[in-house]
């Protein structure tokens, strides 16, 4: 049996898991606020043990896979962090470091929704939008940073993005996008059903999503808007890559059909040549929000077999 640990750190949380032959046997979630390296080490310590043979880490942002370095990301603190070196020093074990969308893709390829598929797009939707490209069964990294389509321009007159640019796709189709729309809605409808459900103050996107899932019409309307913009962006990716399958993961992407159904309709409606072709299936990641951490642990196991 092979025992490895993996961690996925994004804009709001870090999740660490211990896996035995790819099966999660322990997990721990911590707040990701603070120095990224300290958060990674703390989360991994919580699930480590004497039987662990290797370590994997997935980080949201630009990761130099070959060097094991976190270069930069809009949702994490620190730049040019020598993550692999730090984790090897901390745990004395082999370490692999990758972008969190790539670790998510690896998990879904090995034990999730993408099993048996060769050409796949994985889109992670949470605090932002990340992505991974799988071509002929292998993760495609380009010159190093492929899959950062969350920061392609979606609306040149749109809101500012955490990356410093204007109108990125993730400003329209992510958890914070739902929170922003809910804030605008509450300002215009302070006595509506959504206001009665979630109260005053800046709206938490997941509380808005929970209200939608519980049948609140105002919240569902906002979630549908976000889903449509997710689908419009997916249509562009499908036109470029023509994949066999699109897998949507991440914490917000794990809402499932209430988000994905409007995304599917919008993708089919706006896909280039849509009247002459069918879009690929757009499915939810089977491993949900845990996929990035599980994939990091599975990458660590793969490192041992190389």
Protein backbone atom coordinates (compact mmCIF):
# COMPACT_ATOMS: atom_id res chain seq x y z
CA UNK A 1 0.00 0.00 0.00
CA UNK A 2 1.15 3.54 -0.82
CA UNK A 3 0.40 6.32 1.66
CA UNK A 4 0.78 9.93 0.59
CA UNK A 5 -0.48 13.31 1.71
CA UNK A 6 -1.75 16.13 -0.46
CA UNK A 7 -2.93 19.68 0.04
CA UNK A 8 -4.90 22.13 -2.09
CA UNK A 9 -4.73 25.81 -1.17
CA UNK A 10 -6.98 28.43 -2.70
CA UNK A 11 -8.29 31.87 -1.90
CA UNK A 12 -10.27 30.96 1.22
CA UNK A 13 -9.21 27.52 2.43
CA UNK A 14 -6.57 24.84 2.39
CA UNK A 15 -7.62 21.20 2.47
CA UNK A 16 -5.12 18.47 3.28
CA UNK A 17 -5.74 14.73 2.93
CA UNK A 18 -3.93 11.49 3.67
CA UNK A 19 -4.57 8.82 1.05
CA UNK A 20 -3.83 5.10 0.95
CA UNK A 21 -3.77 3.89 -2.64
CA UNK A 22 -5.85 6.91 -3.60
CA UNK A 23 -8.49 6.45 -0.87
CA UNK A 24 -8.84 9.30 1.63
CA UNK A 25 -8.34 8.10 5.20
CA UNK A 26 -7.89 11.49 6.91
CA UNK A 27 -8.53 15.12 6.05
CA UNK A 28 -8.19 18.54 7.61
CA UNK A 29 -9.34 21.97 6.47
CA UNK A 30 -7.76 25.27 7.55
CA UNK A 31 -8.30 28.91 6.67
CA UNK A 32 -5.86 29.96 3.94
CA UNK A 33 -5.39 33.51 5.28
CA UNK A 34 -1.73 34.15 6.05
CA UNK A 35 1.60 33.23 4.46
CA UNK A 36 0.98 30.46 1.94
CA UNK A 37 3.97 28.31 2.97
CA UNK A 38 2.98 28.40 6.64
CA UNK A 39 -0.60 27.43 5.76
CA UNK A 40 0.60 24.52 3.59
CA UNK A 41 2.90 23.15 6.27
CA UNK A 42 0.27 23.49 9.00
CA UNK A 43 -2.41 21.72 6.96
CA UNK A 44 -0.10 18.88 5.93
CA UNK A 45 1.15 18.33 9.48
CA UNK A 46 -2.44 17.69 10.58
CA UNK A 47 -2.74 14.65 8.30
CA UNK A 48 0.84 13.38 8.24
CA UNK A 49 2.17 10.26 9.96
CA UNK A 50 5.14 7.87 10.01
CA UNK A 51 3.75 5.78 7.16
CA UNK A 52 3.63 8.69 4.67
CA UNK A 53 5.96 8.22 1.69
CA UNK A 54 5.53 11.38 -0.39
CA UNK A 55 3.86 14.80 -0.41
CA UNK A 56 1.87 16.67 -3.07
CA UNK A 57 0.72 20.28 -3.15
CA UNK A 58 -1.67 22.14 -5.44
CA UNK A 59 -1.74 25.93 -5.37
CA UNK A 60 -4.07 28.42 -7.04
CA UNK A 61 -1.97 30.54 -9.38
CA UNK A 62 1.12 30.32 -11.55
CA UNK A 63 3.21 27.29 -10.58
CA UNK A 64 6.54 26.33 -12.14
CA UNK A 65 6.01 22.58 -12.10
CA UNK A 66 9.59 21.67 -13.01
CA UNK A 67 11.09 23.88 -10.31
CA UNK A 68 8.42 23.24 -7.69
CA UNK A 69 7.94 26.98 -7.27
CA UNK A 70 4.81 29.05 -6.72
CA UNK A 71 5.44 32.07 -8.93
CA UNK A 72 2.40 34.26 -8.21
CA UNK A 73 -1.35 34.19 -7.80
CA UNK A 74 -3.98 36.87 -7.16
CA UNK A 75 -5.59 34.98 -4.27
CA UNK A 76 -2.51 33.82 -2.32
CA UNK A 77 0.20 35.74 -0.49
CA UNK A 78 3.82 35.52 -1.56
CA UNK A 79 5.74 35.32 -4.83
CA UNK A 80 8.52 33.04 -6.05
CA UNK A 81 7.95 30.66 -3.15
CA UNK A 82 10.22 27.60 -3.20
CA UNK A 83 7.43 25.29 -2.15
CA UNK A 84 9.02 21.95 -3.04
CA UNK A 85 12.26 22.86 -1.28
CA UNK A 86 10.40 24.01 1.85
CA UNK A 87 8.20 20.91 2.03
CA UNK A 88 11.12 18.55 1.38
CA UNK A 89 12.97 20.24 4.24
CA UNK A 90 9.93 20.03 6.52
CA UNK A 91 8.92 16.42 5.85
CA UNK A 92 12.10 14.81 4.49
CA UNK A 93 10.10 13.17 1.70
CA UNK A 94 9.75 13.46 -2.09
CA UNK A 95 7.48 16.38 -3.01
CA UNK A 96 5.58 17.35 -6.16
CA UNK A 97 4.04 20.81 -6.63
CA UNK A 98 1.54 21.87 -9.28
CA UNK A 99 -1.30 24.24 -10.03
CA UNK A 100 -4.43 23.21 -8.11
CA UNK A 101 -6.51 22.83 -11.27
CA UNK A 102 -3.93 20.38 -12.60
CA UNK A 103 -4.10 18.34 -9.39
CA UNK A 104 -7.90 18.40 -9.67
CA UNK A 105 -7.66 17.14 -13.24
CA UNK A 106 -5.30 14.35 -12.19
CA UNK A 107 -7.74 13.18 -9.52
CA UNK A 108 -10.69 13.20 -11.89
CA UNK A 109 -8.66 11.32 -14.52
CA UNK A 110 -7.57 8.65 -12.09
CA UNK A 111 -10.58 8.08 -9.85
CA UNK A 112 -13.28 10.57 -10.85
CA UNK A 113 -15.55 11.81 -13.61
CA UNK A 114 -12.88 11.79 -16.35
CA UNK A 115 -11.91 8.12 -16.05
CA UNK A 116 -11.66 6.59 -19.52
CA UNK A 117 -11.52 9.95 -21.34
CA UNK A 118 -8.45 11.16 -23.23
CA UNK A 119 -9.20 14.80 -24.04
CA UNK A 120 -10.72 16.74 -21.17
CA UNK A 121 -11.07 20.29 -19.90
CA UNK A 122 -11.26 20.73 -16.14
CA UNK A 123 -12.63 24.07 -14.93
CA UNK A 124 -12.35 24.83 -11.22
CA UNK A 125 -14.78 27.43 -9.91
CA UNK A 126 -14.32 28.85 -6.43
CA UNK A 127 -12.87 32.18 -5.32
CA UNK A 128 -11.72 32.43 -8.94
CA UNK A 129 -11.69 30.24 -12.05
CA UNK A 130 -8.80 27.93 -12.82
CA UNK A 131 -8.36 25.27 -15.41
CA UNK A 132 -6.49 22.29 -16.69
CA UNK A 133 -6.13 20.84 -20.18
CA UNK A 134 -5.81 17.09 -20.69
CA UNK A 135 -4.65 16.03 -24.14
CA UNK A 136 -4.35 12.35 -25.02
CA UNK A 137 -4.53 11.43 -21.34
CA UNK A 138 -1.74 13.77 -20.17
CA UNK A 139 -1.89 17.18 -18.51
CA UNK A 140 -0.84 19.89 -20.93
CA UNK A 141 1.15 22.70 -19.29
CA UNK A 142 2.27 24.64 -22.37
CA UNK A 143 5.37 26.66 -21.59
CA UNK A 144 4.41 26.29 -17.94
CA UNK A 145 1.16 28.10 -17.15
CA UNK A 146 -1.57 26.69 -19.42
CA UNK A 147 -5.17 26.78 -18.23
CA UNK A 148 -5.37 30.27 -16.69
CA UNK A 149 -8.51 31.08 -18.64
CA UNK A 150 -10.19 32.59 -15.60
CA UNK A 151 -8.19 35.70 -16.46
CA UNK A 152 -9.17 35.94 -20.09
CA UNK A 153 -11.20 39.09 -20.73
CA UNK A 154 -14.91 38.34 -20.57
CA UNK A 155 -16.34 41.86 -20.33
CA UNK A 156 -14.04 44.80 -21.06
CA UNK A 157 -16.45 47.06 -19.15
CA UNK A 158 -16.82 44.64 -16.27
CA UNK A 159 -15.68 44.85 -12.66
CA UNK A 160 -12.08 44.85 -11.50
CA UNK A 161 -10.42 41.51 -10.86
CA UNK A 162 -8.10 40.57 -8.01
CA UNK A 163 -5.37 40.08 -10.62
CA UNK A 164 -5.41 43.83 -11.34
CA UNK A 165 -7.16 43.66 -14.71
CA UNK A 166 -10.74 44.49 -15.73
CA UNK A 167 -13.55 42.13 -16.63
CA UNK A 168 -11.84 38.74 -16.32
CA UNK A 169 -14.10 35.71 -16.75
CA UNK A 170 -13.87 34.89 -13.05
CA UNK A 171 -15.41 38.26 -12.15
CA UNK A 172 -18.63 37.06 -13.83
CA UNK A 173 -18.76 33.34 -13.06
CA UNK A 174 -17.36 32.52 -9.61
CA UNK A 175 -18.34 32.55 -5.97
CA UNK A 176 -17.43 36.23 -5.51
CA UNK A 177 -19.36 37.06 -8.69
CA UNK A 178 -22.50 35.65 -7.06
CA UNK A 179 -21.72 37.64 -3.92
CA UNK A 180 -21.33 40.84 -5.93
CA UNK A 181 -24.61 40.30 -7.78
CA UNK A 182 -26.35 39.53 -4.49
CA UNK A 183 -25.02 42.76 -2.98
CA UNK A 184 -26.38 44.75 -5.90
CA UNK A 185 -29.71 42.94 -5.65
CA UNK A 186 -30.02 43.55 -1.90
CA UNK A 187 -29.34 47.25 -2.38
CA UNK A 188 -32.17 47.42 -4.89
CA UNK A 189 -34.52 45.06 -2.98
CA UNK A 190 -33.79 45.49 0.74
CA UNK A 191 -37.09 43.93 1.77
CA UNK A 192 -37.15 40.99 -0.64
CA UNK A 193 -37.05 37.30 0.14
CA UNK A 194 -33.26 37.07 -0.16
CA UNK A 195 -32.75 39.92 2.31
CA UNK A 196 -35.05 38.17 4.79
CA UNK A 197 -33.05 34.96 4.43
CA UNK A 198 -29.48 36.17 4.70
CA UNK A 199 -29.83 39.46 6.60
CA UNK A 200 -27.73 42.59 6.35
CA UNK A 201 -24.05 42.97 5.58
CA UNK A 202 -21.93 41.80 2.64
CA UNK A 203 -23.56 38.65 1.28
CA UNK A 204 -21.68 35.37 1.62
CA UNK A 205 -21.82 33.66 -1.82
CA UNK A 206 -22.38 30.22 -0.31
CA UNK A 207 -25.29 31.53 1.79
CA UNK A 208 -26.81 32.98 -1.38
CA UNK A 209 -26.26 29.64 -3.12
CA UNK A 210 -27.83 27.80 -0.18
CA UNK A 211 -30.86 30.06 -0.41
CA UNK A 212 -31.13 29.25 -4.11
CA UNK A 213 -30.91 25.51 -3.45
CA UNK A 214 -33.59 25.95 -0.78
CA UNK A 215 -35.98 27.41 -3.34
CA UNK A 216 -35.59 31.16 -2.96
CA UNK A 217 -36.52 32.60 -6.34
CA UNK A 218 -34.40 35.74 -6.05
CA UNK A 219 -31.28 33.76 -5.15
CA UNK A 220 -31.95 31.23 -7.89
CA UNK A 221 -32.23 34.00 -10.45
CA UNK A 222 -28.79 35.28 -9.46
CA UNK A 223 -27.28 31.79 -9.54
CA UNK A 224 -28.72 31.25 -13.02
CA UNK A 225 -27.05 34.48 -14.19
CA UNK A 226 -23.69 33.24 -12.93
CA UNK A 227 -24.31 29.84 -14.53
CA UNK A 228 -25.07 31.46 -17.88
CA UNK A 229 -21.82 33.41 -17.81
CA UNK A 230 -19.98 30.23 -16.87
CA UNK A 231 -21.53 28.52 -19.90
CA UNK A 232 -20.70 31.39 -22.26
CA UNK A 233 -17.05 31.11 -21.24
CA UNK A 234 -17.12 27.33 -21.59
CA UNK A 235 -18.43 27.68 -25.14
CA UNK A 236 -15.26 29.57 -26.08
CA UNK A 237 -13.04 26.89 -24.54
CA UNK A 238 -14.98 24.13 -26.28
CA UNK A 239 -14.56 25.92 -29.62
CA UNK A 240 -10.79 26.06 -29.08
CA UNK A 241 -10.10 22.59 -27.66
CA UNK A 242 -13.06 20.45 -28.83
CA UNK A 243 -12.76 18.13 -25.79
CA UNK A 244 -14.53 14.85 -25.17
CA UNK A 245 -15.66 16.04 -21.76
CA UNK A 246 -15.75 19.16 -19.57
CA UNK A 247 -15.48 18.63 -15.81
CA UNK A 248 -16.45 21.47 -13.48
CA UNK A 249 -15.02 21.33 -9.98
CA UNK A 250 -13.94 23.60 -7.15
CA UNK A 251 -15.90 24.58 -4.07
CA UNK A 252 -18.44 26.74 -5.93
CA UNK A 253 -18.49 24.45 -8.98
CA UNK A 254 -19.58 21.63 -6.67
CA UNK A 255 -23.05 23.18 -6.43
CA UNK A 256 -23.92 20.87 -9.30
CA UNK A 257 -26.92 21.13 -11.60
CA UNK A 258 -28.40 24.40 -10.26
CA UNK A 259 -25.21 26.05 -11.57
CA UNK A 260 -24.40 23.66 -14.40
CA UNK A 261 -27.83 23.41 -16.04
CA UNK A 262 -27.88 27.11 -17.05
CA UNK A 263 -24.21 26.75 -18.01
CA UNK A 264 -25.04 23.81 -20.29
CA UNK A 265 -27.87 25.72 -21.95
CA UNK A 266 -25.73 28.82 -22.47
CA UNK A 267 -22.82 26.78 -23.82
CA UNK A 268 -25.06 24.98 -26.32
CA UNK A 269 -26.67 28.26 -27.40
CA UNK A 270 -23.42 30.19 -27.93
CA UNK A 271 -21.08 27.45 -29.18
CA UNK A 272 -19.58 28.16 -32.61
CA UNK A 273 -21.40 26.04 -35.20
CA UNK A 274 -23.84 24.95 -32.54
CA UNK A 275 -26.55 24.02 -35.03
CA UNK A 276 -24.15 21.58 -36.70
CA UNK A 277 -22.53 19.98 -33.65
CA UNK A 278 -23.24 18.89 -30.12
CA UNK A 279 -21.29 20.27 -27.17
CA UNK A 280 -19.44 17.72 -25.05
CA UNK A 281 -20.96 16.64 -21.75
CA UNK A 282 -20.43 19.21 -18.99
CA UNK A 283 -20.33 17.29 -15.72
CA UNK A 284 -19.64 17.93 -12.07
CA UNK A 285 -16.34 16.73 -10.61
CA UNK A 286 -17.03 13.48 -8.77
CA UNK A 287 -14.62 14.36 -5.98
CA UNK A 288 -16.13 17.78 -5.44
CA UNK A 289 -14.12 20.32 -3.50
CA UNK A 290 -11.67 17.61 -2.34
CA UNK A 291 -10.42 16.85 -5.86
CA UNK A 292 -7.43 19.22 -5.74
CA UNK A 293 -6.05 17.75 -2.51
CA UNK A 294 -6.72 14.16 -3.56
CA UNK A 295 -5.07 14.83 -6.91
CA UNK A 296 -2.00 16.25 -5.16
CA UNK A 297 -1.75 13.07 -3.08
CA UNK A 298 -2.19 10.93 -6.20
CA UNK A 299 0.53 12.93 -7.98
CA UNK A 300 2.80 12.25 -5.01
CA UNK A 301 2.09 8.51 -5.36
CA UNK A 302 2.85 8.73 -9.09
CA UNK A 303 6.15 10.42 -8.23
CA UNK A 304 7.17 7.32 -6.28
CA UNK A 305 6.51 5.07 -9.29
CA UNK A 306 8.55 7.10 -11.78
